[in-house]
Amino acid sequence: MARNINDLDILTEEVLIRLPRFLKIPVEASGRHVHLKREHVDLLFGKGYELTPRRDLSQPGQYLCEERLTLKTDKGILRNVAILGPVRKDTQVELSLTDAMSIGVDAPVKESGDIKGSASITIISDLGEVNIREGVIVAMRHLHTTPKDAVLLSVKDQDLISIRIDGLRPVIFEDVLVRVNEKYSTAVHIDYDEANACGYIPGTTASIVK
């Protein structure tokens, strides 16, 4: 028997509700890294210095730089820390909880870009150093997605969702922040602590469970 329009509308709605459980989202693991503002690039590498792109990252316009930095506190040092370009409005240092504990930094878990009230650190290059009073965070695990994919996934900007990581040790992560922007490429970002917990390898995927 043919379905009427109302039946089709209900069926479509049910499919959209269930769809996120079956869509596979790429997962990417991020190691410790630094985003620099223009003033700090100048202080660390010289006035007008341009960071050297090494390779593009999955998010459009983002890239890994050739240059490396050292992070220092009274309790420890992290060497050979990556810089991600391009320059930003504010300098931000992203660590895992393990990184932060190893050098005695009380880094809060925050959305990338929210550095208010975060931890301090000294950033060192071969040519100079910068002391930042705030800027060290543990980035919230998050989902970058385009507006189009957000519709397919039934999510919206700033939602907190749960995802199942299909790694060697499958795990469900809660409080995954959704970030929607037309400039994004859809992917889940986790740090190395979380990557180790789920047995992450390149090609790992995730699905939304809540």
C-alpha atoms as a PDB file:
ATOM      1  CA  MET A   1       0.000   0.000   0.000  1.00  0.00           C
ATOM      2  CA  ALA A   2       1.366   3.450  -0.916  1.00  0.00           C
ATOM      3  CA  ARG A   3       2.503   5.689   1.915  1.00  0.00           C
ATOM      4  CA  ASN A   4       0.961   9.126   2.251  1.00  0.00           C
ATOM      5  CA  ILE A   5       2.999  12.325   2.596  1.00  0.00           C
ATOM      6  CA  ASN A   6       2.751  12.334   6.398  1.00  0.00           C
ATOM      7  CA  ASP A   7       4.082   8.777   6.572  1.00  0.00           C
ATOM      8  CA  LEU A   8       7.043   9.765   4.387  1.00  0.00           C
ATOM      9  CA  ASP A   9       7.774  12.789   6.551  1.00  0.00           C
ATOM     10  CA  ILE A  10       7.789  10.616   9.674  1.00  0.00           C
ATOM     11  CA  LEU A  11      10.034   8.027   7.999  1.00  0.00           C
ATOM     12  CA  THR A  12      12.472  10.722   6.868  1.00  0.00           C
ATOM     13  CA  GLU A  13      12.613  12.168  10.372  1.00  0.00           C
ATOM     14  CA  GLU A  14      13.316   8.720  11.849  1.00  0.00           C
ATOM     15  CA  VAL A  15      16.134   8.145   9.359  1.00  0.00           C
ATOM     16  CA  LEU A  16      17.743  11.494  10.199  1.00  0.00           C
ATOM     17  CA  ILE A  17      17.538  10.722  13.916  1.00  0.00           C
ATOM     18  CA  ARG A  18      19.207   7.333  13.473  1.00  0.00           C
ATOM     19  CA  LEU A  19      21.691   8.371  10.794  1.00  0.00           C
ATOM     20  CA  PRO A  20      24.415   9.684  13.145  1.00  0.00           C
ATOM     21  CA  ARG A  21      24.832   6.225  14.660  1.00  0.00           C
ATOM     22  CA  PHE A  22      25.924   4.827  11.306  1.00  0.00           C
ATOM     23  CA  LEU A  23      27.956   7.628   9.733  1.00  0.00           C
ATOM     24  CA  LYS A  24      31.690   7.106  10.176  1.00  0.00           C
ATOM     25  CA  ILE A  25      33.648  10.232  11.017  1.00  0.00           C
ATOM     26  CA  PRO A  26      37.440  10.426  10.562  1.00  0.00           C
ATOM     27  CA  VAL A  27      39.405  10.708  13.804  1.00  0.00           C
ATOM     28  CA  GLU A  28      42.669  12.643  14.108  1.00  0.00           C
ATOM     29  CA  ALA A  29      45.079  12.698  17.047  1.00  0.00           C
ATOM     30  CA  SER A  30      46.858  15.947  17.921  1.00  0.00           C
ATOM     31  CA  GLY A  31      50.166  16.084  19.773  1.00  0.00           C
ATOM     32  CA  ARG A  32      51.373  19.001  21.881  1.00  0.00           C
ATOM     33  CA  HIS A  33      51.674  22.191  19.863  1.00  0.00           C
ATOM     34  CA  VAL A  34      51.769  25.977  19.965  1.00  0.00           C
ATOM     35  CA  HIS A  35      49.814  28.655  18.106  1.00  0.00           C
ATOM     36  CA  LEU A  36      51.641  32.001  18.053  1.00  0.00           C
ATOM     37  CA  LYS A  37      50.422  35.554  17.648  1.00  0.00           C
ATOM     38  CA  ARG A  38      52.388  37.947  15.453  1.00  0.00           C
ATOM     39  CA  GLU A  39      54.100  39.752  18.352  1.00  0.00           C
ATOM     40  CA  HIS A  40      55.468  36.504  19.727  1.00  0.00           C
ATOM     41  CA  VAL A  41      56.696  35.287  16.324  1.00  0.00           C
ATOM     42  CA  ASP A  42      58.704  38.506  16.128  1.00  0.00           C
ATOM     43  CA  LEU A  43      60.138  38.071  19.633  1.00  0.00           C
ATOM     44  CA  LEU A  44      61.044  34.437  19.116  1.00  0.00           C
ATOM     45  CA  PHE A  45      62.352  34.513  15.543  1.00  0.00           C
ATOM     46  CA  GLY A  46      62.947  38.149  14.575  1.00  0.00           C
ATOM     47  CA  LYS A  47      60.892  41.118  13.417  1.00  0.00           C
ATOM     48  CA  GLY A  48      58.764  40.280  10.398  1.00  0.00           C
ATOM     49  CA  TYR A  49      59.747  36.595  10.405  1.00  0.00           C
ATOM     50  CA  GLU A  50      57.414  34.314   8.482  1.00  0.00           C
ATOM     51  CA  LEU A  51      56.841  30.798   9.786  1.00  0.00           C
ATOM     52  CA  THR A  52      57.842  28.084   7.315  1.00  0.00           C
ATOM     53  CA  PRO A  53      55.058  25.685   6.278  1.00  0.00           C
ATOM     54  CA  ARG A  54      56.161  22.053   6.346  1.00  0.00           C
ATOM     55  CA  ARG A  55      52.926  20.311   5.416  1.00  0.00           C
ATOM     56  CA  ASP A  56      49.233  21.093   5.265  1.00  0.00           C
ATOM     57  CA  LEU A  57      46.893  19.772   7.946  1.00  0.00           C
ATOM     58  CA  SER A  58      43.417  18.398   7.326  1.00  0.00           C
ATOM     59  CA  GLN A  59      41.701  21.618   8.382  1.00  0.00           C
ATOM     60  CA  PRO A  60      41.785  24.056   5.435  1.00  0.00           C
ATOM     61  CA  GLY A  61      44.413  26.777   5.770  1.00  0.00           C
ATOM     62  CA  GLN A  62      46.137  25.107   8.740  1.00  0.00           C
ATOM     63  CA  TYR A  63      49.703  23.798   8.502  1.00  0.00           C
ATOM     64  CA  LEU A  64      52.570  22.319  10.483  1.00  0.00           C
ATOM     65  CA  CYS A  65      55.640  24.575  10.590  1.00  0.00           C
ATOM     66  CA  GLU A  66      59.311  23.663  10.244  1.00  0.00           C
ATOM     67  CA  GLU A  67      60.201  25.667  13.361  1.00  0.00           C
ATOM     68  CA  ARG A  68      60.168  24.081  16.814  1.00  0.00           C
ATOM     69  CA  LEU A  69      59.998  25.455  20.346  1.00  0.00           C
ATOM     70  CA  THR A  70      60.850  24.542  23.931  1.00  0.00           C
ATOM     71  CA  LEU A  71      58.326  24.928  26.755  1.00  0.00           C
ATOM     72  CA  LYS A  72      59.684  25.538  30.246  1.00  0.00           C
ATOM     73  CA  THR A  73      58.365  25.809  33.792  1.00  0.00           C
ATOM     74  CA  ASP A  74      60.084  25.682  37.171  1.00  0.00           C
ATOM     75  CA  LYS A  75      59.323  21.951  37.264  1.00  0.00           C
ATOM     76  CA  GLY A  76      60.166  20.718  33.794  1.00  0.00           C
ATOM     77  CA  ILE A  77      60.867  21.192  30.097  1.00  0.00           C
ATOM     78  CA  LEU A  78      59.229  19.961  26.897  1.00  0.00           C
ATOM     79  CA  ARG A  79      61.492  20.185  23.865  1.00  0.00           C
ATOM     80  CA  ASN A  80      60.883  20.010  20.115  1.00  0.00           C
ATOM     81  CA  VAL A  81      57.300  21.245  20.369  1.00  0.00           C
ATOM     82  CA  ALA A  82      55.505  21.841  17.068  1.00  0.00           C
ATOM     83  CA  ILE A  83      54.158  25.169  15.873  1.00  0.00           C
ATOM     84  CA  LEU A  84      50.925  25.242  13.878  1.00  0.00           C
ATOM     85  CA  GLY A  85      50.251  28.078  11.464  1.00  0.00           C
ATOM     86  CA  PRO A  86      49.033  30.547  10.479  1.00  0.00           C
ATOM     87  CA  VAL A  87      49.521  33.153  13.216  1.00  0.00           C
ATOM     88  CA  ARG A  88      46.573  33.724  15.524  1.00  0.00           C
ATOM     89  CA  LYS A  89      45.071  36.553  17.535  1.00  0.00           C
ATOM     90  CA  ASP A  90      46.414  35.047  20.777  1.00  0.00           C
ATOM     91  CA  THR A  91      49.241  32.671  21.602  1.00  0.00           C
ATOM     92  CA  GLN A  92      47.941  29.309  22.778  1.00  0.00           C
ATOM     93  CA  VAL A  93      49.779  26.199  23.995  1.00  0.00           C
ATOM     94  CA  GLU A  94      47.870  22.913  23.746  1.00  0.00           C
ATOM     95  CA  LEU A  95      49.047  20.008  25.906  1.00  0.00           C
ATOM     96  CA  SER A  96      47.665  16.672  26.981  1.00  0.00           C
ATOM     97  CA  LEU A  97      46.992  16.173  30.681  1.00  0.00           C
ATOM     98  CA  THR A  98      50.055  13.912  30.819  1.00  0.00           C
ATOM     99  CA  ASP A  99      52.220  16.648  29.256  1.00  0.00           C
ATOM    100  CA  ALA A 100      50.895  19.226  31.697  1.00  0.00           C
ATOM    101  CA  MET A 101      51.474  17.005  34.737  1.00  0.00           C
ATOM    102  CA  SER A 102      55.011  16.180  33.597  1.00  0.00           C
ATOM    103  CA  ILE A 103      56.075  19.843  33.800  1.00  0.00           C
ATOM    104  CA  GLY A 104      53.856  20.898  36.685  1.00  0.00           C
ATOM    105  CA  VAL A 105      51.334  22.993  34.742  1.00  0.00           C
ATOM    106  CA  ASP A 106      47.769  23.238  36.026  1.00  0.00           C
ATOM    107  CA  ALA A 107      46.267  23.485  32.536  1.00  0.00           C
ATOM    108  CA  PRO A 108      42.460  23.645  32.412  1.00  0.00           C
ATOM    109  CA  VAL A 109      40.392  21.677  29.904  1.00  0.00           C
ATOM    110  CA  LYS A 110      38.970  24.320  27.585  1.00  0.00           C
ATOM    111  CA  GLU A 111      37.682  24.916  24.102  1.00  0.00           C
ATOM    112  CA  SER A 112      40.492  25.918  21.767  1.00  0.00           C
ATOM    113  CA  GLY A 113      40.612  29.708  21.642  1.00  0.00           C
ATOM    114  CA  ASP A 114      39.325  30.178  25.198  1.00  0.00           C
ATOM    115  CA  ILE A 115      42.477  31.021  27.152  1.00  0.00           C
ATOM    116  CA  LYS A 116      41.009  33.274  29.837  1.00  0.00           C
ATOM    117  CA  GLY A 117      42.225  32.123  33.244  1.00  0.00           C
ATOM    118  CA  SER A 118      44.439  29.400  31.764  1.00  0.00           C
ATOM    119  CA  ALA A 119      47.998  28.501  32.771  1.00  0.00           C
ATOM    120  CA  SER A 120      51.280  30.344  32.238  1.00  0.00           C
ATOM    121  CA  ILE A 121      54.512  29.088  30.677  1.00  0.00           C
ATOM    122  CA  THR A 122      57.809  30.193  29.107  1.00  0.00           C
ATOM    123  CA  ILE A 123      58.197  29.622  25.366  1.00  0.00           C
ATOM    124  CA  ILE A 124      61.797  29.414  24.112  1.00  0.00           C
ATOM    125  CA  SER A 125      63.411  29.476  20.667  1.00  0.00           C
ATOM    126  CA  ASP A 126      67.063  29.614  19.631  1.00  0.00           C
ATOM    127  CA  LEU A 127      66.814  33.408  19.418  1.00  0.00           C
ATOM    128  CA  GLY A 128      64.659  34.400  22.353  1.00  0.00           C
ATOM    129  CA  GLU A 129      61.933  33.581  24.828  1.00  0.00           C
ATOM    130  CA  VAL A 130      58.440  34.720  25.776  1.00  0.00           C
ATOM    131  CA  ASN A 131      56.666  34.416  29.108  1.00  0.00           C
ATOM    132  CA  ILE A 132      52.901  34.138  28.736  1.00  0.00           C
ATOM    133  CA  ARG A 133      50.711  34.695  31.788  1.00  0.00           C
ATOM    134  CA  GLU A 134      47.884  32.642  30.316  1.00  0.00           C
ATOM    135  CA  GLY A 135      47.405  30.498  27.244  1.00  0.00           C
ATOM    136  CA  VAL A 136      48.195  26.905  28.256  1.00  0.00           C
ATOM    137  CA  ILE A 137      45.191  24.598  27.939  1.00  0.00           C
ATOM    138  CA  VAL A 138      44.183  20.993  27.453  1.00  0.00           C
ATOM    139  CA  ALA A 139      41.911  21.255  24.440  1.00  0.00           C
ATOM    140  CA  MET A 140      38.447  19.745  24.764  1.00  0.00           C
ATOM    141  CA  ARG A 141      37.974  16.817  22.441  1.00  0.00           C
ATOM    142  CA  HIS A 142      35.865  18.133  19.622  1.00  0.00           C
ATOM    143  CA  LEU A 143      34.175  17.560  16.296  1.00  0.00           C
ATOM    144  CA  HIS A 144      34.934  19.944  13.454  1.00  0.00           C
ATOM    145  CA  THR A 145      32.151  19.842  10.883  1.00  0.00           C
ATOM    146  CA  THR A 146      30.731  21.770   7.961  1.00  0.00           C
ATOM    147  CA  PRO A 147      27.179  23.133   8.114  1.00  0.00           C
ATOM    148  CA  LYS A 148      26.112  20.546   5.514  1.00  0.00           C
ATOM    149  CA  ASP A 149      27.578  17.644   7.475  1.00  0.00           C
ATOM    150  CA  ALA A 150      26.137  19.053  10.715  1.00  0.00           C
ATOM    151  CA  VAL A 151      22.668  18.608   9.231  1.00  0.00           C
ATOM    152  CA  LEU A 152      23.452  15.010   8.259  1.00  0.00           C
ATOM    153  CA  LEU A 153      24.818  14.345  11.739  1.00  0.00           C
ATOM    154  CA  SER A 154      21.889  16.096  13.451  1.00  0.00           C
ATOM    155  CA  VAL A 155      24.202  18.335  15.485  1.00  0.00           C
ATOM    156  CA  LYS A 156      24.656  22.076  15.877  1.00  0.00           C
ATOM    157  CA  ASP A 157      27.462  24.379  16.914  1.00  0.00           C
ATOM    158  CA  GLN A 158      28.450  24.121  20.609  1.00  0.00           C
ATOM    159  CA  ASP A 159      26.523  20.872  21.177  1.00  0.00           C
ATOM    160  CA  LEU A 160      28.124  18.388  23.554  1.00  0.00           C
ATOM    161  CA  ILE A 161      27.816  14.868  22.176  1.00  0.00           C
ATOM    162  CA  SER A 162      29.055  11.349  22.879  1.00  0.00           C
ATOM    163  CA  ILE A 163      31.030   9.416  20.281  1.00  0.00           C
ATOM    164  CA  ARG A 164      32.195   5.847  19.939  1.00  0.00           C
ATOM    165  CA  ILE A 165      35.774   5.481  18.742  1.00  0.00           C
ATOM    166  CA  ASP A 166      36.262   2.388  16.606  1.00  0.00           C
ATOM    167  CA  GLY A 167      39.883   1.816  17.590  1.00  0.00           C
ATOM    168  CA  LEU A 168      41.771  -1.267  18.728  1.00  0.00           C
ATOM    169  CA  ARG A 169      40.256  -0.605  22.165  1.00  0.00           C
ATOM    170  CA  PRO A 170      36.805   0.846  21.350  1.00  0.00           C
ATOM    171  CA  VAL A 171      35.675   3.477  23.807  1.00  0.00           C
ATOM    172  CA  ILE A 172      32.889   6.023  24.182  1.00  0.00           C
ATOM    173  CA  PHE A 173      33.989   9.602  24.808  1.00  0.00           C
ATOM    174  CA  GLU A 174      31.457  11.982  26.329  1.00  0.00           C
ATOM    175  CA  ASP A 175      31.429  15.798  26.258  1.00  0.00           C
ATOM    176  CA  VAL A 176      32.737  16.090  22.706  1.00  0.00           C
ATOM    177  CA  LEU A 177      32.287  19.701  21.629  1.00  0.00           C
ATOM    178  CA  VAL A 178      30.740  20.339  18.218  1.00  0.00           C
ATOM    179  CA  ARG A 179      32.255  23.196  16.202  1.00  0.00           C
ATOM    180  CA  VAL A 180      30.470  24.092  12.966  1.00  0.00           C
ATOM    181  CA  ASN A 181      32.010  26.292  10.297  1.00  0.00           C
ATOM    182  CA  GLU A 182      31.908  26.307   6.508  1.00  0.00           C
ATOM    183  CA  LYS A 183      35.724  26.494   6.494  1.00  0.00           C
ATOM    184  CA  TYR A 184      36.132  23.233   8.434  1.00  0.00           C
ATOM    185  CA  SER A 185      36.751  19.713   7.222  1.00  0.00           C
ATOM    186  CA  THR A 186      34.633  17.194   9.152  1.00  0.00           C
ATOM    187  CA  ALA A 187      36.744  15.230  11.649  1.00  0.00           C
ATOM    188  CA  VAL A 188      36.961  14.367  15.353  1.00  0.00           C
ATOM    189  CA  HIS A 189      40.058  15.706  17.126  1.00  0.00           C
ATOM    190  CA  ILE A 190      41.463  14.010  20.227  1.00  0.00           C
ATOM    191  CA  ASP A 191      44.806  14.372  22.005  1.00  0.00           C
ATOM    192  CA  TYR A 192      47.444  11.684  22.499  1.00  0.00           C
ATOM    193  CA  ASP A 193      46.173  10.644  25.936  1.00  0.00           C
ATOM    194  CA  GLU A 194      42.788   9.915  24.406  1.00  0.00           C
ATOM    195  CA  ALA A 195      44.381   8.345  21.328  1.00  0.00           C
ATOM    196  CA  ASN A 196      46.364   5.912  23.474  1.00  0.00           C
ATOM    197  CA  ALA A 197      43.252   5.034  25.474  1.00  0.00           C
ATOM    198  CA  CYS A 198      41.385   3.867  22.368  1.00  0.00           C
ATOM    199  CA  GLY A 199      44.329   2.319  20.510  1.00  0.00           C
ATOM    200  CA  TYR A 200      44.230   4.958  17.802  1.00  0.00           C
ATOM    201  CA  ILE A 201      45.899   4.325  14.454  1.00  0.00           C
ATOM    202  CA  PRO A 202      45.617   6.361  11.233  1.00  0.00           C
ATOM    203  CA  GLY A 203      42.283   5.599   9.608  1.00  0.00           C
ATOM    204  CA  THR A 204      40.410   5.254  12.900  1.00  0.00           C
ATOM    205  CA  THR A 205      36.796   6.382  12.704  1.00  0.00           C
ATOM    206  CA  ALA A 206      34.053   7.378  15.132  1.00  0.00           C
ATOM    207  CA  SER A 207      30.274   7.476  15.217  1.00  0.00           C
ATOM    208  CA  ILE A 208      27.877   9.590  17.243  1.00  0.00           C
ATOM    209  CA  VAL A 209      26.014   7.636  19.903  1.00  0.00           C
ATOM    210  CA  LYS A 210      24.239  10.489  21.704  1.00  0.00           C
END
